[in-house]
Amino acid sequence: MSKRGKDRTQVLQGTLDLIVLRALATMGPQHAYGIATRLRQVSEDLLDLNQGTLYPALVRLERQGWIKGTWRRTENNREAKYYAVTAAGQKALAQETVRWRRLAGIIEKLLWEDS
C-alpha cells in the first residue's frame, strides 16, 4: 500500500451522511459511482468509499426521506439508481452542517487545550 493509501480517512456514519447530502446538493442527481468518484476527487484521493460503505448510507438517507432514488440510464447506457436531495434533505443538510461545525469547533478547542 502506498503512503497515500495509508493516509486515507475512514468516515463515521453520521459524517458520511452529511458528506453525501452535500455532494448531491452541489452536484445534482448522481448514481453511487458518480458520488464516490466526486468525493474521491474533492478529497484529493484521501476519501475512498467502497460499495460496502456508500450503499448503506444511500439506503439510510433514502429511508429517512432525505434523498430519493430513481432508475435511469447512465451515459454508458446502463441502468443505475440516481439519487437527489429532497426538500427534507435540504433542511437536514442545513441543520447537520450547523451541528457539525459546532462539534468540530469544540473538538478543535479541546485539542488546543491539551497541546
C-alpha atoms as a PDB file:
ATOM      1  CA  MET A   1       0.000   0.000   0.000  1.00  0.00           C
ATOM      2  CA  SER A   2       1.350   3.426  -0.890  1.00  0.00           C
ATOM      3  CA  LYS A   3       1.814   6.170   1.660  1.00  0.00           C
ATOM      4  CA  ARG A   4      -1.150   7.909   0.060  1.00  0.00           C
ATOM      5  CA  GLY A   5      -3.261   4.795   0.675  1.00  0.00           C
ATOM      6  CA  LYS A   6      -2.249   4.733   4.343  1.00  0.00           C
ATOM      7  CA  ASP A   7      -3.370   8.346   4.710  1.00  0.00           C
ATOM      8  CA  ARG A   8      -6.907   7.623   3.558  1.00  0.00           C
ATOM      9  CA  THR A   9      -9.510   8.617   6.067  1.00  0.00           C
ATOM     10  CA  GLN A  10     -12.278   6.491   7.471  1.00  0.00           C
ATOM     11  CA  VAL A  11     -15.598   8.261   7.807  1.00  0.00           C
ATOM     12  CA  LEU A  12     -18.079   7.959  10.646  1.00  0.00           C
ATOM     13  CA  GLN A  13     -21.656   7.080   9.702  1.00  0.00           C
ATOM     14  CA  GLY A  14     -23.238  10.467  10.507  1.00  0.00           C
ATOM     15  CA  THR A  15     -20.396  12.290   8.812  1.00  0.00           C
ATOM     16  CA  LEU A  16     -20.791  10.162   5.696  1.00  0.00           C
ATOM     17  CA  ASP A  17     -24.484  11.032   5.528  1.00  0.00           C
ATOM     18  CA  LEU A  18     -23.632  14.736   5.715  1.00  0.00           C
ATOM     19  CA  ILE A  19     -20.942  14.429   3.035  1.00  0.00           C
ATOM     20  CA  VAL A  20     -23.244  12.524   0.669  1.00  0.00           C
ATOM     21  CA  LEU A  21     -26.065  15.035   1.176  1.00  0.00           C
ATOM     22  CA  ARG A  22     -23.677  17.917   0.476  1.00  0.00           C
ATOM     23  CA  ALA A  23     -22.325  16.246  -2.646  1.00  0.00           C
ATOM     24  CA  LEU A  24     -25.815  15.640  -4.030  1.00  0.00           C
ATOM     25  CA  ALA A  25     -26.954  19.157  -3.140  1.00  0.00           C
ATOM     26  CA  THR A  26     -23.956  20.547  -5.009  1.00  0.00           C
ATOM     27  CA  MET A  27     -23.832  18.183  -8.000  1.00  0.00           C
ATOM     28  CA  GLY A  28     -27.485  17.381  -8.543  1.00  0.00           C
ATOM     29  CA  PRO A  29     -28.746  13.827  -9.140  1.00  0.00           C
ATOM     30  CA  GLN A  30     -25.959  11.243  -9.233  1.00  0.00           C
ATOM     31  CA  HIS A  31     -25.557   7.487  -9.147  1.00  0.00           C
ATOM     32  CA  ALA A  32     -23.416   5.885  -6.431  1.00  0.00           C
ATOM     33  CA  TYR A  33     -20.314   5.604  -8.601  1.00  0.00           C
ATOM     34  CA  GLY A  34     -20.572   9.290  -9.524  1.00  0.00           C
ATOM     35  CA  ILE A  35     -20.875  10.251  -5.854  1.00  0.00           C
ATOM     36  CA  ALA A  36     -17.879   8.117  -4.856  1.00  0.00           C
ATOM     37  CA  THR A  37     -15.779   9.482  -7.726  1.00  0.00           C
ATOM     38  CA  ARG A  38     -16.580  13.092  -6.857  1.00  0.00           C
ATOM     39  CA  LEU A  39     -15.825  12.632  -3.163  1.00  0.00           C
ATOM     40  CA  ARG A  40     -12.521  10.981  -4.023  1.00  0.00           C
ATOM     41  CA  GLN A  41     -11.640  13.900  -6.334  1.00  0.00           C
ATOM     42  CA  VAL A  42     -12.577  16.629  -3.857  1.00  0.00           C
ATOM     43  CA  SER A  43     -10.668  14.899  -1.041  1.00  0.00           C
ATOM     44  CA  GLU A  44      -7.623  14.502  -3.302  1.00  0.00           C
ATOM     45  CA  ASP A  45      -7.848  10.690  -3.028  1.00  0.00           C
ATOM     46  CA  LEU A  46      -7.889  10.722   0.794  1.00  0.00           C
ATOM     47  CA  LEU A  47     -11.508   9.571   0.943  1.00  0.00           C
ATOM     48  CA  ASP A  48     -12.142   6.333  -0.910  1.00  0.00           C
ATOM     49  CA  LEU A  49     -15.647   4.989  -0.386  1.00  0.00           C
ATOM     50  CA  ASN A  50     -16.318   1.416  -1.359  1.00  0.00           C
ATOM     51  CA  GLN A  51     -19.734  -0.062  -2.111  1.00  0.00           C
ATOM     52  CA  GLY A  52     -19.973  -1.568   1.365  1.00  0.00           C
ATOM     53  CA  THR A  53     -19.689   1.918   2.851  1.00  0.00           C
ATOM     54  CA  LEU A  54     -21.602   4.057   0.370  1.00  0.00           C
ATOM     55  CA  TYR A  55     -24.657   1.916  -0.414  1.00  0.00           C
ATOM     56  CA  PRO A  56     -25.806   1.532   3.216  1.00  0.00           C
ATOM     57  CA  ALA A  57     -25.549   5.323   3.574  1.00  0.00           C
ATOM     58  CA  LEU A  58     -27.673   5.832   0.458  1.00  0.00           C
ATOM     59  CA  VAL A  59     -30.269   3.346   1.718  1.00  0.00           C
ATOM     60  CA  ARG A  60     -30.289   5.035   5.138  1.00  0.00           C
ATOM     61  CA  LEU A  61     -30.698   8.515   3.615  1.00  0.00           C
ATOM     62  CA  GLU A  62     -33.487   7.297   1.336  1.00  0.00           C
ATOM     63  CA  ARG A  63     -35.337   5.673   4.249  1.00  0.00           C
ATOM     64  CA  GLN A  64     -35.105   8.957   6.172  1.00  0.00           C
ATOM     65  CA  GLY A  65     -36.656  10.725   3.205  1.00  0.00           C
ATOM     66  CA  TRP A  66     -33.589  12.939   2.744  1.00  0.00           C
ATOM     67  CA  ILE A  67     -32.842  11.621  -0.747  1.00  0.00           C
ATOM     68  CA  LYS A  68     -34.956   9.994  -3.436  1.00  0.00           C
ATOM     69  CA  GLY A  69     -33.670   7.447  -5.894  1.00  0.00           C
ATOM     70  CA  THR A  70     -34.952   6.908  -9.430  1.00  0.00           C
ATOM     71  CA  TRP A  71     -33.735   4.414 -12.013  1.00  0.00           C
ATOM     72  CA  ARG A  72     -32.283   5.896 -15.198  1.00  0.00           C
ATOM     73  CA  ARG A  73     -29.766   5.085 -17.878  1.00  0.00           C
ATOM     74  CA  THR A  74     -26.191   6.235 -17.374  1.00  0.00           C
ATOM     75  CA  GLU A  75     -24.013   7.868 -20.011  1.00  0.00           C
ATOM     76  CA  ASN A  76     -22.798   4.303 -20.749  1.00  0.00           C
ATOM     77  CA  ASN A  77     -26.397   3.140 -21.319  1.00  0.00           C
ATOM     78  CA  ARG A  78     -26.545   1.104 -18.107  1.00  0.00           C
ATOM     79  CA  GLU A  79     -29.380   1.155 -15.607  1.00  0.00           C
ATOM     80  CA  ALA A  80     -28.402   2.915 -12.388  1.00  0.00           C
ATOM     81  CA  LYS A  81     -30.236   4.446  -9.494  1.00  0.00           C
ATOM     82  CA  TYR A  82     -29.768   8.215  -9.428  1.00  0.00           C
ATOM     83  CA  TYR A  83     -30.162   9.936  -6.091  1.00  0.00           C
ATOM     84  CA  ALA A  84     -31.338  13.501  -5.493  1.00  0.00           C
ATOM     85  CA  VAL A  85     -31.786  15.520  -2.303  1.00  0.00           C
ATOM     86  CA  THR A  86     -35.387  16.091  -1.231  1.00  0.00           C
ATOM     87  CA  ALA A  87     -36.745  19.220   0.472  1.00  0.00           C
ATOM     88  CA  ALA A  88     -36.463  17.387   3.802  1.00  0.00           C
ATOM     89  CA  GLY A  89     -32.881  16.509   2.889  1.00  0.00           C
ATOM     90  CA  GLN A  90     -32.058  20.164   2.188  1.00  0.00           C
ATOM     91  CA  LYS A  91     -33.403  21.103   5.609  1.00  0.00           C
ATOM     92  CA  ALA A  92     -31.481  18.263   7.271  1.00  0.00           C
ATOM     93  CA  LEU A  93     -28.310  19.285   5.424  1.00  0.00           C
ATOM     94  CA  ALA A  94     -28.565  22.824   6.782  1.00  0.00           C
ATOM     95  CA  GLN A  95     -29.196  21.589  10.342  1.00  0.00           C
ATOM     96  CA  GLU A  96     -26.477  18.930  10.239  1.00  0.00           C
ATOM     97  CA  THR A  97     -23.954  21.391   8.786  1.00  0.00           C
ATOM     98  CA  VAL A  98     -24.502  23.752  11.735  1.00  0.00           C
ATOM     99  CA  ARG A  99     -24.252  20.849  14.178  1.00  0.00           C
ATOM    100  CA  TRP A 100     -21.080  19.518  12.542  1.00  0.00           C
ATOM    101  CA  ARG A 101     -19.364  22.925  12.544  1.00  0.00           C
ATOM    102  CA  ARG A 102     -20.232  23.420  16.210  1.00  0.00           C
ATOM    103  CA  LEU A 103     -18.882  19.974  17.107  1.00  0.00           C
ATOM    104  CA  ALA A 104     -15.713  20.480  15.028  1.00  0.00           C
ATOM    105  CA  GLY A 105     -15.130  23.796  16.825  1.00  0.00           C
ATOM    106  CA  ILE A 106     -15.479  22.146  20.222  1.00  0.00           C
ATOM    107  CA  ILE A 107     -13.072  19.373  19.278  1.00  0.00           C
ATOM    108  CA  GLU A 108     -10.581  21.914  17.929  1.00  0.00           C
ATOM    109  CA  LYS A 109     -10.712  23.861  21.213  1.00  0.00           C
ATOM    110  CA  LEU A 110     -10.186  20.694  23.230  1.00  0.00           C
ATOM    111  CA  LEU A 111      -7.220  19.634  21.114  1.00  0.00           C
ATOM    112  CA  TRP A 112      -5.593  23.067  21.502  1.00  0.00           C
ATOM    113  CA  GLU A 113      -6.047  22.943  25.286  1.00  0.00           C
ATOM    114  CA  ASP A 114      -4.101  19.683  25.516  1.00  0.00           C
ATOM    115  CA  SER A 115      -1.149  20.833  23.439  1.00  0.00           C
END
